[in-house]
Amino acid sequence: MAIKANLIIDQGTDYSTSINLTDDDGNIINLSGYTANGQIRKTYSSSNAVNFGITLETGTGVVLLALTDAQTGNLTAGRYVYDVVLTDSANVTSRIVEGIVTVTPRVTR
């Protein structure tokens, strides 16, 4: 089951956050052999999406999500949905996090 986490992103700025993955016993999950994908969409059925830049820190179990200032600058202020999925070497896909993204409007341009 995915972690529920809501994000607040300032429009027109670089954004990053990290997710620490552990198993049920609290042990770090080794992310060797995994790939990850994550997207933001206005609604679940929207055809347009913004892709997170994702880095997997294999030995630490950390998943880093990032957006550039250009990406966040192209998002209209408001609410969005997002999720991030991991795929292992056997092609088993798991959703690790999902939630609402709130993009706050910028003033300075």
PDB file of N, CA and C in Angstrom:
ATOM      1  N   MET A   1       0.834  -1.177   0.000  1.00  0.00           N
ATOM      2  CA  MET A   1       0.000   0.000   0.000  1.00  0.00           C
ATOM      3  C   MET A   1       0.882   1.244   0.000  1.00  0.00           C
ATOM      4  N   ALA A   2       0.502   2.224  -0.772  1.00  0.00           N
ATOM      5  CA  ALA A   2       1.281   3.447  -0.925  1.00  0.00           C
ATOM      6  C   ALA A   2       1.143   4.350   0.297  1.00  0.00           C
ATOM      7  N   ILE A   3       2.210   5.063   0.580  1.00  0.00           N
ATOM      8  CA  ILE A   3       2.191   6.111   1.599  1.00  0.00           C
ATOM      9  C   ILE A   3       1.383   7.271   1.036  1.00  0.00           C
ATOM     10  N   LYS A   4       0.566   7.892   1.853  1.00  0.00           N
ATOM     11  CA  LYS A   4      -0.166   9.095   1.461  1.00  0.00           C
ATOM     12  C   LYS A   4       0.632  10.298   1.949  1.00  0.00           C
ATOM     13  N   ALA A   5       1.004  11.176   1.027  1.00  0.00           N
ATOM     14  CA  ALA A   5       1.775  12.371   1.387  1.00  0.00           C
ATOM     15  C   ALA A   5       1.396  13.497   0.440  1.00  0.00           C
ATOM     16  N   ASN A   6       0.940  14.601   1.004  1.00  0.00           N
ATOM     17  CA  ASN A   6       0.599  15.764   0.196  1.00  0.00           C
ATOM     18  C   ASN A   6       1.815  16.679   0.086  1.00  0.00           C
ATOM     19  N   LEU A   7       1.987  17.283  -1.089  1.00  0.00           N
ATOM     20  CA  LEU A   7       3.137  18.139  -1.373  1.00  0.00           C
ATOM     21  C   LEU A   7       2.688  19.568  -1.623  1.00  0.00           C
ATOM     22  N   ILE A   8       3.501  20.524  -1.206  1.00  0.00           N
ATOM     23  CA  ILE A   8       3.291  21.936  -1.540  1.00  0.00           C
ATOM     24  C   ILE A   8       4.498  22.391  -2.339  1.00  0.00           C
ATOM     25  N   ILE A   9       4.235  22.892  -3.543  1.00  0.00           N
ATOM     26  CA  ILE A   9       5.295  23.308  -4.456  1.00  0.00           C
ATOM     27  C   ILE A   9       5.092  24.777  -4.781  1.00  0.00           C
ATOM     28  N   ASP A  10       6.159  25.555  -4.646  1.00  0.00           N
ATOM     29  CA  ASP A  10       6.122  26.964  -5.004  1.00  0.00           C
ATOM     30  C   ASP A  10       6.349  27.099  -6.505  1.00  0.00           C
ATOM     31  N   GLN A  11       5.404  27.717  -7.185  1.00  0.00           N
ATOM     32  CA  GLN A  11       5.473  27.896  -8.629  1.00  0.00           C
ATOM     33  C   GLN A  11       6.745  28.660  -9.007  1.00  0.00           C
ATOM     34  N   GLY A  12       7.443  28.199 -10.038  1.00  0.00           N
ATOM     35  CA  GLY A  12       8.615  28.889 -10.559  1.00  0.00           C
ATOM     36  C   GLY A  12       9.893  28.681  -9.777  1.00  0.00           C
ATOM     37  N   THR A  13       9.919  27.687  -8.894  1.00  0.00           N
ATOM     38  CA  THR A  13      11.126  27.408  -8.118  1.00  0.00           C
ATOM     39  C   THR A  13      11.546  25.954  -8.318  1.00  0.00           C
ATOM     40  N   ASP A  14      12.814  25.674  -8.034  1.00  0.00           N
ATOM     41  CA  ASP A  14      13.276  24.290  -8.026  1.00  0.00           C
ATOM     42  C   ASP A  14      12.653  23.596  -6.818  1.00  0.00           C
ATOM     43  N   TYR A  15      12.279  22.333  -6.992  1.00  0.00           N
ATOM     44  CA  TYR A  15      11.635  21.581  -5.912  1.00  0.00           C
ATOM     45  C   TYR A  15      12.320  20.223  -5.778  1.00  0.00           C
ATOM     46  N   SER A  16      12.496  19.789  -4.540  1.00  0.00           N
ATOM     47  CA  SER A  16      12.981  18.426  -4.312  1.00  0.00           C
ATOM     48  C   SER A  16      12.479  17.931  -2.960  1.00  0.00           C
ATOM     49  N   THR A  17      12.327  16.638  -2.880  1.00  0.00           N
ATOM     50  CA  THR A  17      11.950  15.981  -1.637  1.00  0.00           C
ATOM     51  C   THR A  17      12.477  14.553  -1.694  1.00  0.00           C
ATOM     52  N   SER A  18      12.553  13.903  -0.541  1.00  0.00           N
ATOM     53  CA  SER A  18      13.052  12.525  -0.512  1.00  0.00           C
ATOM     54  C   SER A  18      12.075  11.623   0.220  1.00  0.00           C
ATOM     55  N   ILE A  19      12.109  10.361  -0.160  1.00  0.00           N
ATOM     56  CA  ILE A  19      11.290   9.316   0.454  1.00  0.00           C
ATOM     57  C   ILE A  19      12.255   8.243   0.945  1.00  0.00           C
ATOM     58  N   ASN A  20      12.173   7.885   2.210  1.00  0.00           N
ATOM     59  CA  ASN A  20      13.020   6.837   2.788  1.00  0.00           C
ATOM     60  C   ASN A  20      12.224   5.541   2.820  1.00  0.00           C
ATOM     61  N   LEU A  21      12.700   4.533   2.111  1.00  0.00           N
ATOM     62  CA  LEU A  21      11.983   3.265   2.019  1.00  0.00           C
ATOM     63  C   LEU A  21      12.577   2.230   2.963  1.00  0.00           C
ATOM     64  N   THR A  22      11.705   1.654   3.796  1.00  0.00           N
ATOM     65  CA  THR A  22      12.100   0.579   4.703  1.00  0.00           C
ATOM     66  C   THR A  22      11.057  -0.528   4.625  1.00  0.00           C
ATOM     67  N   ASP A  23      11.452  -1.737   5.023  1.00  0.00           N
ATOM     68  CA  ASP A  23      10.505  -2.850   5.060  1.00  0.00           C
ATOM     69  C   ASP A  23       9.714  -2.803   6.368  1.00  0.00           C
ATOM     70  N   ASP A  24       8.864  -3.796   6.593  1.00  0.00           N
ATOM     71  CA  ASP A  24       8.008  -3.823   7.780  1.00  0.00           C
ATOM     72  C   ASP A  24       8.794  -3.892   9.092  1.00  0.00           C
ATOM     73  N   ASP A  25      10.038  -4.370   9.023  1.00  0.00           N
ATOM     74  CA  ASP A  25      10.879  -4.457  10.223  1.00  0.00           C
ATOM     75  C   ASP A  25      11.757  -3.224  10.415  1.00  0.00           C
ATOM     76  N   GLY A  26      11.625  -2.220   9.510  1.00  0.00           N
ATOM     77  CA  GLY A  26      12.410  -1.006   9.626  1.00  0.00           C
ATOM     78  C   GLY A  26      13.763  -1.062   8.944  1.00  0.00           C
ATOM     79  N   ASN A  27      14.031  -2.150   8.211  1.00  0.00           N
ATOM     80  CA  ASN A  27      15.301  -2.283   7.491  1.00  0.00           C
ATOM     81  C   ASN A  27      15.249  -1.503   6.180  1.00  0.00           C
ATOM     82  N   ILE A  28      16.364  -0.876   5.831  1.00  0.00           N
ATOM     83  CA  ILE A  28      16.461  -0.124   4.582  1.00  0.00           C
ATOM     84  C   ILE A  28      16.269  -1.074   3.400  1.00  0.00           C
ATOM     85  N   ILE A  29      15.483  -0.653   2.418  1.00  0.00           N
ATOM     86  CA  ILE A  29      15.270  -1.445   1.208  1.00  0.00           C
ATOM     87  C   ILE A  29      16.376  -1.110   0.209  1.00  0.00           C
ATOM     88  N   ASN A  30      17.101  -2.132  -0.228  1.00  0.00           N
ATOM     89  CA  ASN A  30      18.141  -1.948  -1.225  1.00  0.00           C
ATOM     90  C   ASN A  30      17.459  -1.778  -2.582  1.00  0.00           C
ATOM     91  N   LEU A  31      17.692  -0.654  -3.225  1.00  0.00           N
ATOM     92  CA  LEU A  31      17.007  -0.318  -4.473  1.00  0.00           C
ATOM     93  C   LEU A  31      17.786  -0.715  -5.722  1.00  0.00           C
ATOM     94  N   SER A  32      18.813  -1.548  -5.571  1.00  0.00           N
ATOM     95  CA  SER A  32      19.552  -2.036  -6.737  1.00  0.00           C
ATOM     96  C   SER A  32      18.603  -2.817  -7.644  1.00  0.00           C
ATOM     97  N   GLY A  33      18.667  -2.540  -8.926  1.00  0.00           N
ATOM     98  CA  GLY A  33      17.826  -3.243  -9.893  1.00  0.00           C
ATOM     99  C   GLY A  33      16.433  -2.650 -10.046  1.00  0.00           C
ATOM    100  N   TYR A  34      16.121  -1.589  -9.306  1.00  0.00           N
ATOM    101  CA  TYR A  34      14.808  -0.946  -9.405  1.00  0.00           C
ATOM    102  C   TYR A  34      14.876   0.250 -10.355  1.00  0.00           C
ATOM    103  N   THR A  35      13.745   0.557 -10.951  1.00  0.00           N
ATOM    104  CA  THR A  35      13.555   1.817 -11.673  1.00  0.00           C
ATOM    105  C   THR A  35      12.343   2.503 -11.046  1.00  0.00           C
ATOM    106  N   ALA A  36      12.210   3.803 -11.288  1.00  0.00           N
ATOM    107  CA  ALA A  36      11.101   4.554 -10.705  1.00  0.00           C
ATOM    108  C   ALA A  36      10.553   5.555 -11.709  1.00  0.00           C
ATOM    109  N   ASN A  37       9.269   5.804 -11.611  1.00  0.00           N
ATOM    110  CA  ASN A  37       8.583   6.812 -12.417  1.00  0.00           C
ATOM    111  C   ASN A  37       7.592   7.524 -11.518  1.00  0.00           C
ATOM    112  N   GLY A  38       7.407   8.811 -11.760  1.00  0.00           N
ATOM    113  CA  GLY A  38       6.426   9.569 -11.002  1.00  0.00           C
ATOM    114  C   GLY A  38       5.918  10.734 -11.822  1.00  0.00           C
ATOM    115  N   GLN A  39       4.623  11.028 -11.672  1.00  0.00           N
ATOM    116  CA  GLN A  39       4.010  12.091 -12.456  1.00  0.00           C
ATOM    117  C   GLN A  39       3.037  12.911 -11.613  1.00  0.00           C
ATOM    118  N   ILE A  40       2.861  14.163 -12.053  1.00  0.00           N
ATOM    119  CA  ILE A  40       1.834  15.061 -11.535  1.00  0.00           C
ATOM    120  C   ILE A  40       0.834  15.287 -12.666  1.00  0.00           C
ATOM    121  N   ARG A  41      -0.450  15.216 -12.347  1.00  0.00           N
ATOM    122  CA  ARG A  41      -1.511  15.503 -13.315  1.00  0.00           C
ATOM    123  C   ARG A  41      -2.576  16.362 -12.651  1.00  0.00           C
ATOM    124  N   LYS A  42      -3.294  17.133 -13.445  1.00  0.00           N
ATOM    125  CA  LYS A  42      -4.368  17.966 -12.896  1.00  0.00           C
ATOM    126  C   LYS A  42      -5.470  17.099 -12.296  1.00  0.00           C
ATOM    127  N   THR A  43      -5.835  16.043 -12.988  1.00  0.00           N
ATOM    128  CA  THR A  43      -6.788  15.057 -12.477  1.00  0.00           C
ATOM    129  C   THR A  43      -6.257  13.677 -12.834  1.00  0.00           C
ATOM    130  N   TYR A  44      -6.833  12.657 -12.243  1.00  0.00           N
ATOM    131  CA  TYR A  44      -6.385  11.293 -12.531  1.00  0.00           C
ATOM    132  C   TYR A  44      -6.512  10.940 -14.005  1.00  0.00           C
ATOM    133  N   SER A  45      -7.490  11.522 -14.693  1.00  0.00           N
ATOM    134  CA  SER A  45      -7.728  11.172 -16.094  1.00  0.00           C
ATOM    135  C   SER A  45      -7.095  12.159 -17.079  1.00  0.00           C
ATOM    136  N   SER A  46      -6.365  13.163 -16.615  1.00  0.00           N
ATOM    137  CA  SER A  46      -5.724  14.137 -17.504  1.00  0.00           C
ATOM    138  C   SER A  46      -4.710  13.460 -18.422  1.00  0.00           C
ATOM    139  N   SER A  47      -4.666  13.922 -19.662  1.00  0.00           N
ATOM    140  CA  SER A  47      -3.684  13.365 -20.589  1.00  0.00           C
ATOM    141  C   SER A  47      -2.320  14.049 -20.446  1.00  0.00           C
ATOM    142  N   ASN A  48      -2.282  15.263 -19.955  1.00  0.00           N
ATOM    143  CA  ASN A  48      -1.022  15.990 -19.748  1.00  0.00           C
ATOM    144  C   ASN A  48      -0.439  15.646 -18.388  1.00  0.00           C
ATOM    145  N   ALA A  49       0.883  15.487 -18.357  1.00  0.00           N
ATOM    146  CA  ALA A  49       1.559  15.148 -17.103  1.00  0.00           C
ATOM    147  C   ALA A  49       2.909  15.844 -17.030  1.00  0.00           C
ATOM    148  N   VAL A  50       3.364  16.064 -15.808  1.00  0.00           N
ATOM    149  CA  VAL A  50       4.714  16.556 -15.543  1.00  0.00           C
ATOM    150  C   VAL A  50       5.453  15.412 -14.854  1.00  0.00           C
ATOM    151  N   ASN A  51       6.606  15.044 -15.396  1.00  0.00           N
ATOM    152  CA  ASN A  51       7.384  13.937 -14.852  1.00  0.00           C
ATOM    153  C   ASN A  51       8.391  14.432 -13.820  1.00  0.00           C
ATOM    154  N   PHE A  52       8.420  13.774 -12.676  1.00  0.00           N
ATOM    155  CA  PHE A  52       9.459  14.036 -11.694  1.00  0.00           C
ATOM    156  C   PHE A  52      10.790  13.530 -12.230  1.00  0.00           C
ATOM    157  N   GLY A  53      11.864  14.244 -11.936  1.00  0.00           N
ATOM    158  CA  GLY A  53      13.194  13.682 -12.069  1.00  0.00           C
ATOM    159  C   GLY A  53      13.406  12.814 -10.837  1.00  0.00           C
ATOM    160  N   ILE A  54      13.824  11.573 -11.005  1.00  0.00           N
ATOM    161  CA  ILE A  54      13.937  10.654  -9.874  1.00  0.00           C
ATOM    162  C   ILE A  54      15.337  10.053  -9.826  1.00  0.00           C
ATOM    163  N   THR A  55      15.919  10.086  -8.627  1.00  0.00           N
ATOM    164  CA  THR A  55      17.197   9.451  -8.371  1.00  0.00           C
ATOM    165  C   THR A  55      17.002   8.420  -7.275  1.00  0.00           C
ATOM    166  N   LEU A  56      17.484   7.202  -7.499  1.00  0.00           N
ATOM    167  CA  LEU A  56      17.425   6.149  -6.488  1.00  0.00           C
ATOM    168  C   LEU A  56      18.794   6.013  -5.842  1.00  0.00           C
ATOM    169  N   GLU A  57      18.856   6.190  -4.537  1.00  0.00           N
ATOM    170  CA  GLU A  57      20.090   5.963  -3.788  1.00  0.00           C
ATOM    171  C   GLU A  57      20.029   4.521  -3.293  1.00  0.00           C
ATOM    172  N   THR A  58      20.623   3.623  -4.080  1.00  0.00           N
ATOM    173  CA  THR A  58      20.395   2.190  -3.904  1.00  0.00           C
ATOM    174  C   THR A  58      20.725   1.680  -2.507  1.00  0.00           C
ATOM    175  N   GLY A  59      21.851   2.063  -1.937  1.00  0.00           N
ATOM    176  CA  GLY A  59      22.264   1.529  -0.640  1.00  0.00           C
ATOM    177  C   GLY A  59      21.561   2.124   0.553  1.00  0.00           C
ATOM    178  N   THR A  60      20.941   3.289   0.369  1.00  0.00           N
ATOM    179  CA  THR A  60      20.300   3.963   1.503  1.00  0.00           C
ATOM    180  C   THR A  60      18.787   3.846   1.496  1.00  0.00           C
ATOM    181  N   GLY A  61      18.213   3.316   0.410  1.00  0.00           N
ATOM    182  CA  GLY A  61      16.761   3.202   0.316  1.00  0.00           C
ATOM    183  C   GLY A  61      16.055   4.526   0.137  1.00  0.00           C
ATOM    184  N   VAL A  62      16.776   5.531  -0.351  1.00  0.00           N
ATOM    185  CA  VAL A  62      16.193   6.864  -0.523  1.00  0.00           C
ATOM    186  C   VAL A  62      15.822   7.083  -1.982  1.00  0.00           C
ATOM    187  N   VAL A  63      14.603   7.599  -2.182  1.00  0.00           N
ATOM    188  CA  VAL A  63      14.117   7.990  -3.502  1.00  0.00           C
ATOM    189  C   VAL A  63      14.021   9.506  -3.502  1.00  0.00           C
ATOM    190  N   LEU A  64      14.778  10.154  -4.387  1.00  0.00           N
ATOM    191  CA  LEU A  64      14.772  11.614  -4.488  1.00  0.00           C
ATOM    192  C   LEU A  64      13.889  12.036  -5.655  1.00  0.00           C
ATOM    193  N   LEU A  65      12.956  12.948  -5.389  1.00  0.00           N
ATOM    194  CA  LEU A  65      12.083  13.504  -6.421  1.00  0.00           C
ATOM    195  C   LEU A  65      12.490  14.945  -6.663  1.00  0.00           C
ATOM    196  N   ALA A  66      12.493  15.379  -7.917  1.00  0.00           N
ATOM    197  CA  ALA A  66      12.884  16.749  -8.225  1.00  0.00           C
ATOM    198  C   ALA A  66      12.100  17.292  -9.415  1.00  0.00           C
ATOM    199  N   LEU A  67      11.876  18.609  -9.372  1.00  0.00           N
ATOM    200  CA  LEU A  67      11.300  19.366 -10.481  1.00  0.00           C
ATOM    201  C   LEU A  67      12.149  20.617 -10.661  1.00  0.00           C
ATOM    202  N   THR A  68      12.334  21.032 -11.900  1.00  0.00           N
ATOM    203  CA  THR A  68      13.088  22.255 -12.161  1.00  0.00           C
ATOM    204  C   THR A  68      12.180  23.471 -12.011  1.00  0.00           C
ATOM    205  N   ASP A  69      12.801  24.651 -11.941  1.00  0.00           N
ATOM    206  CA  ASP A  69      12.020  25.883 -11.875  1.00  0.00           C
ATOM    207  C   ASP A  69      11.177  26.065 -13.138  1.00  0.00           C
ATOM    208  N   ALA A  70      11.676  25.595 -14.277  1.00  0.00           N
ATOM    209  CA  ALA A  70      10.899  25.678 -15.520  1.00  0.00           C
ATOM    210  C   ALA A  70       9.653  24.790 -15.445  1.00  0.00           C
ATOM    211  N   GLN A  71       9.813  23.592 -14.892  1.00  0.00           N
ATOM    212  CA  GLN A  71       8.655  22.696 -14.762  1.00  0.00           C
ATOM    213  C   GLN A  71       7.602  23.281 -13.830  1.00  0.00           C
ATOM    214  N   THR A  72       8.020  23.756 -12.665  1.00  0.00           N
ATOM    215  CA  THR A  72       7.032  24.300 -11.720  1.00  0.00           C
ATOM    216  C   THR A  72       6.466  25.618 -12.232  1.00  0.00           C
ATOM    217  N   GLY A  73       7.251  26.362 -13.018  1.00  0.00           N
ATOM    218  CA  GLY A  73       6.757  27.608 -13.594  1.00  0.00           C
ATOM    219  C   GLY A  73       5.666  27.386 -14.623  1.00  0.00           C
ATOM    220  N   ASN A  74       5.657  26.207 -15.244  1.00  0.00           N
ATOM    221  CA  ASN A  74       4.624  25.878 -16.227  1.00  0.00           C
ATOM    222  C   ASN A  74       3.356  25.304 -15.599  1.00  0.00           C
ATOM    223  N   LEU A  75       3.390  25.055 -14.300  1.00  0.00           N
ATOM    224  CA  LEU A  75       2.191  24.568 -13.615  1.00  0.00           C
ATOM    225  C   LEU A  75       1.332  25.759 -13.189  1.00  0.00           C
ATOM    226  N   THR A  76       0.064  25.718 -13.510  1.00  0.00           N
ATOM    227  CA  THR A  76      -0.868  26.736 -13.048  1.00  0.00           C
ATOM    228  C   THR A  76      -1.101  26.515 -11.560  1.00  0.00           C
ATOM    229  N   ALA A  77      -1.149  27.590 -10.796  1.00  0.00           N
ATOM    230  CA  ALA A  77      -1.402  27.456  -9.361  1.00  0.00           C
ATOM    231  C   ALA A  77      -2.708  26.692  -9.143  1.00  0.00           C
ATOM    232  N   GLY A  78      -2.702  25.806  -8.149  1.00  0.00           N
ATOM    233  CA  GLY A  78      -3.898  25.029  -7.842  1.00  0.00           C
ATOM    234  C   GLY A  78      -3.547  23.645  -7.333  1.00  0.00           C
ATOM    235  N   ARG A  79      -4.540  22.754  -7.393  1.00  0.00           N
ATOM    236  CA  ARG A  79      -4.393  21.393  -6.882  1.00  0.00           C
ATOM    237  C   ARG A  79      -4.198  20.395  -8.010  1.00  0.00           C
ATOM    238  N   TYR A  80      -3.353  19.418  -7.739  1.00  0.00           N
ATOM    239  CA  TYR A  80      -3.041  18.340  -8.675  1.00  0.00           C
ATOM    240  C   TYR A  80      -2.991  17.027  -7.898  1.00  0.00           C
ATOM    241  N   VAL A  81      -2.852  15.921  -8.624  1.00  0.00           N
ATOM    242  CA  VAL A  81      -2.616  14.614  -8.014  1.00  0.00           C
ATOM    243  C   VAL A  81      -1.272  14.092  -8.512  1.00  0.00           C
ATOM    244  N   TYR A  82      -0.666  13.184  -7.732  1.00  0.00           N
ATOM    245  CA  TYR A  82       0.609  12.611  -8.147  1.00  0.00           C
ATOM    246  C   TYR A  82       0.746  11.223  -7.549  1.00  0.00           C
ATOM    247  N   ASP A  83       1.660  10.461  -8.114  1.00  0.00           N
ATOM    248  CA  ASP A  83       2.119   9.223  -7.493  1.00  0.00           C
ATOM    249  C   ASP A  83       3.495   8.877  -8.021  1.00  0.00           C
ATOM    250  N   VAL A  84       4.139   7.942  -7.327  1.00  0.00           N
ATOM    251  CA  VAL A  84       5.460   7.443  -7.713  1.00  0.00           C
ATOM    252  C   VAL A  84       5.411   5.926  -7.623  1.00  0.00           C
ATOM    253  N   VAL A  85       5.894   5.251  -8.659  1.00  0.00           N
ATOM    254  CA  VAL A  85       5.915   3.790  -8.683  1.00  0.00           C
ATOM    255  C   VAL A  85       7.343   3.281  -8.853  1.00  0.00           C
ATOM    256  N   LEU A  86       7.618   2.143  -8.235  1.00  0.00           N
ATOM    257  CA  LEU A  86       8.890   1.436  -8.384  1.00  0.00           C
ATOM    258  C   LEU A  86       8.643   0.156  -9.159  1.00  0.00           C
ATOM    259  N   THR A  87       9.598  -0.208 -10.013  1.00  0.00           N
ATOM    260  CA  THR A  87       9.537  -1.472 -10.734  1.00  0.00           C
ATOM    261  C   THR A  87      10.832  -2.226 -10.456  1.00  0.00           C
ATOM    262  N   ASP A  88      10.696  -3.481 -10.016  1.00  0.00           N
ATOM    263  CA  ASP A  88      11.896  -4.261  -9.708  1.00  0.00           C
ATOM    264  C   ASP A  88      12.384  -5.006 -10.946  1.00  0.00           C
ATOM    265  N   SER A  89      13.462  -5.752 -10.805  1.00  0.00           N
ATOM    266  CA  SER A  89      14.078  -6.440 -11.940  1.00  0.00           C
ATOM    267  C   SER A  89      13.196  -7.546 -12.517  1.00  0.00           C
ATOM    268  N   ALA A  90      12.179  -7.994 -11.752  1.00  0.00           N
ATOM    269  CA  ALA A  90      11.238  -9.005 -12.250  1.00  0.00           C
ATOM    270  C   ALA A  90      10.002  -8.362 -12.875  1.00  0.00           C
ATOM    271  N   ASN A  91      10.045  -7.030 -13.069  1.00  0.00           N
ATOM    272  CA  ASN A  91       8.937  -6.253 -13.644  1.00  0.00           C
ATOM    273  C   ASN A  91       7.706  -6.182 -12.745  1.00  0.00           C
ATOM    274  N   VAL A  92       7.897  -6.319 -11.438  1.00  0.00           N
ATOM    275  CA  VAL A  92       6.808  -6.137 -10.476  1.00  0.00           C
ATOM    276  C   VAL A  92       6.781  -4.663 -10.104  1.00  0.00           C
ATOM    277  N   THR A  93       5.618  -4.033 -10.301  1.00  0.00           N
ATOM    278  CA  THR A  93       5.470  -2.600 -10.053  1.00  0.00           C
ATOM    279  C   THR A  93       4.679  -2.365  -8.781  1.00  0.00           C
ATOM    280  N   SER A  94       5.167  -1.421  -7.956  1.00  0.00           N
ATOM    281  CA  SER A  94       4.501  -1.063  -6.700  1.00  0.00           C
ATOM    282  C   SER A  94       4.413   0.452  -6.597  1.00  0.00           C
ATOM    283  N   ARG A  95       3.259   0.946  -6.189  1.00  0.00           N
ATOM    284  CA  ARG A  95       3.117   2.372  -5.923  1.00  0.00           C
ATOM    285  C   ARG A  95       3.645   2.630  -4.521  1.00  0.00           C
ATOM    286  N   ILE A  96       4.605   3.563  -4.388  1.00  0.00           N
ATOM    287  CA  ILE A  96       5.203   3.797  -3.074  1.00  0.00           C
ATOM    288  C   ILE A  96       4.649   5.037  -2.380  1.00  0.00           C
ATOM    289  N   VAL A  97       4.181   6.006  -3.151  1.00  0.00           N
ATOM    290  CA  VAL A  97       3.635   7.226  -2.551  1.00  0.00           C
ATOM    291  C   VAL A  97       2.623   7.837  -3.512  1.00  0.00           C
ATOM    292  N   GLU A  98       1.614   8.495  -2.933  1.00  0.00           N
ATOM    293  CA  GLU A  98       0.601   9.187  -3.730  1.00  0.00           C
ATOM    294  C   GLU A  98      -0.002  10.299  -2.886  1.00  0.00           C
ATOM    295  N   GLY A  99      -0.638  11.252  -3.560  1.00  0.00           N
ATOM    296  CA  GLY A  99      -1.287  12.315  -2.808  1.00  0.00           C
ATOM    297  C   GLY A  99      -1.672  13.497  -3.675  1.00  0.00           C
ATOM    298  N   ILE A 100      -1.897  14.605  -2.996  1.00  0.00           N
ATOM    299  CA  ILE A 100      -2.298  15.857  -3.617  1.00  0.00           C
ATOM    300  C   ILE A 100      -1.081  16.779  -3.673  1.00  0.00           C
ATOM    301  N   VAL A 101      -0.930  17.481  -4.776  1.00  0.00           N
ATOM    302  CA  VAL A 101       0.086  18.523  -4.911  1.00  0.00           C
ATOM    303  C   VAL A 101      -0.651  19.852  -4.945  1.00  0.00           C
ATOM    304  N   THR A 102      -0.239  20.781  -4.099  1.00  0.00           N
ATOM    305  CA  THR A 102      -0.753  22.143  -4.156  1.00  0.00           C
ATOM    306  C   THR A 102       0.367  23.024  -4.673  1.00  0.00           C
ATOM    307  N   VAL A 103       0.110  23.692  -5.813  1.00  0.00           N
ATOM    308  CA  VAL A 103       1.075  24.617  -6.378  1.00  0.00           C
ATOM    309  C   VAL A 103       0.653  26.020  -5.955  1.00  0.00           C
ATOM    310  N   THR A 104       1.548  26.692  -5.207  1.00  0.00           N
ATOM    311  CA  THR A 104       1.244  28.059  -4.758  1.00  0.00           C
ATOM    312  C   THR A 104       1.736  29.048  -5.814  1.00  0.00           C
ATOM    313  N   PRO A 105       0.958  30.093  -6.081  1.00  0.00           N
ATOM    314  CA  PRO A 105       1.321  31.026  -7.155  1.00  0.00           C
ATOM    315  C   PRO A 105       2.516  31.884  -6.785  1.00  0.00           C
ATOM    316  N   ARG A 106       3.276  32.273  -7.800  1.00  0.00           N
ATOM    317  CA  ARG A 106       4.409  33.166  -7.572  1.00  0.00           C
ATOM    318  C   ARG A 106       3.975  34.602  -7.838  1.00  0.00           C
ATOM    319  N   VAL A 107       4.685  35.510  -7.235  1.00  0.00           N
ATOM    320  CA  VAL A 107       4.459  36.937  -7.429  1.00  0.00           C
ATOM    321  C   VAL A 107       5.581  37.520  -8.271  1.00  0.00           C
ATOM    322  N   THR A 108       6.824  37.190  -7.914  1.00  0.00           N
ATOM    323  CA  THR A 108       7.977  37.707  -8.607  1.00  0.00           C
ATOM    324  C   THR A 108       8.183  36.960  -9.910  1.00  0.00           C
ATOM    325  N   ARG A 109       8.320  37.712 -11.005  1.00  0.00           N
ATOM    326  CA  ARG A 109       8.538  37.091 -12.312  1.00  0.00           C
ATOM    327  C   ARG A 109       9.778  37.660 -12.966  1.00  0.00           C
TER     328      ARG A 109
END
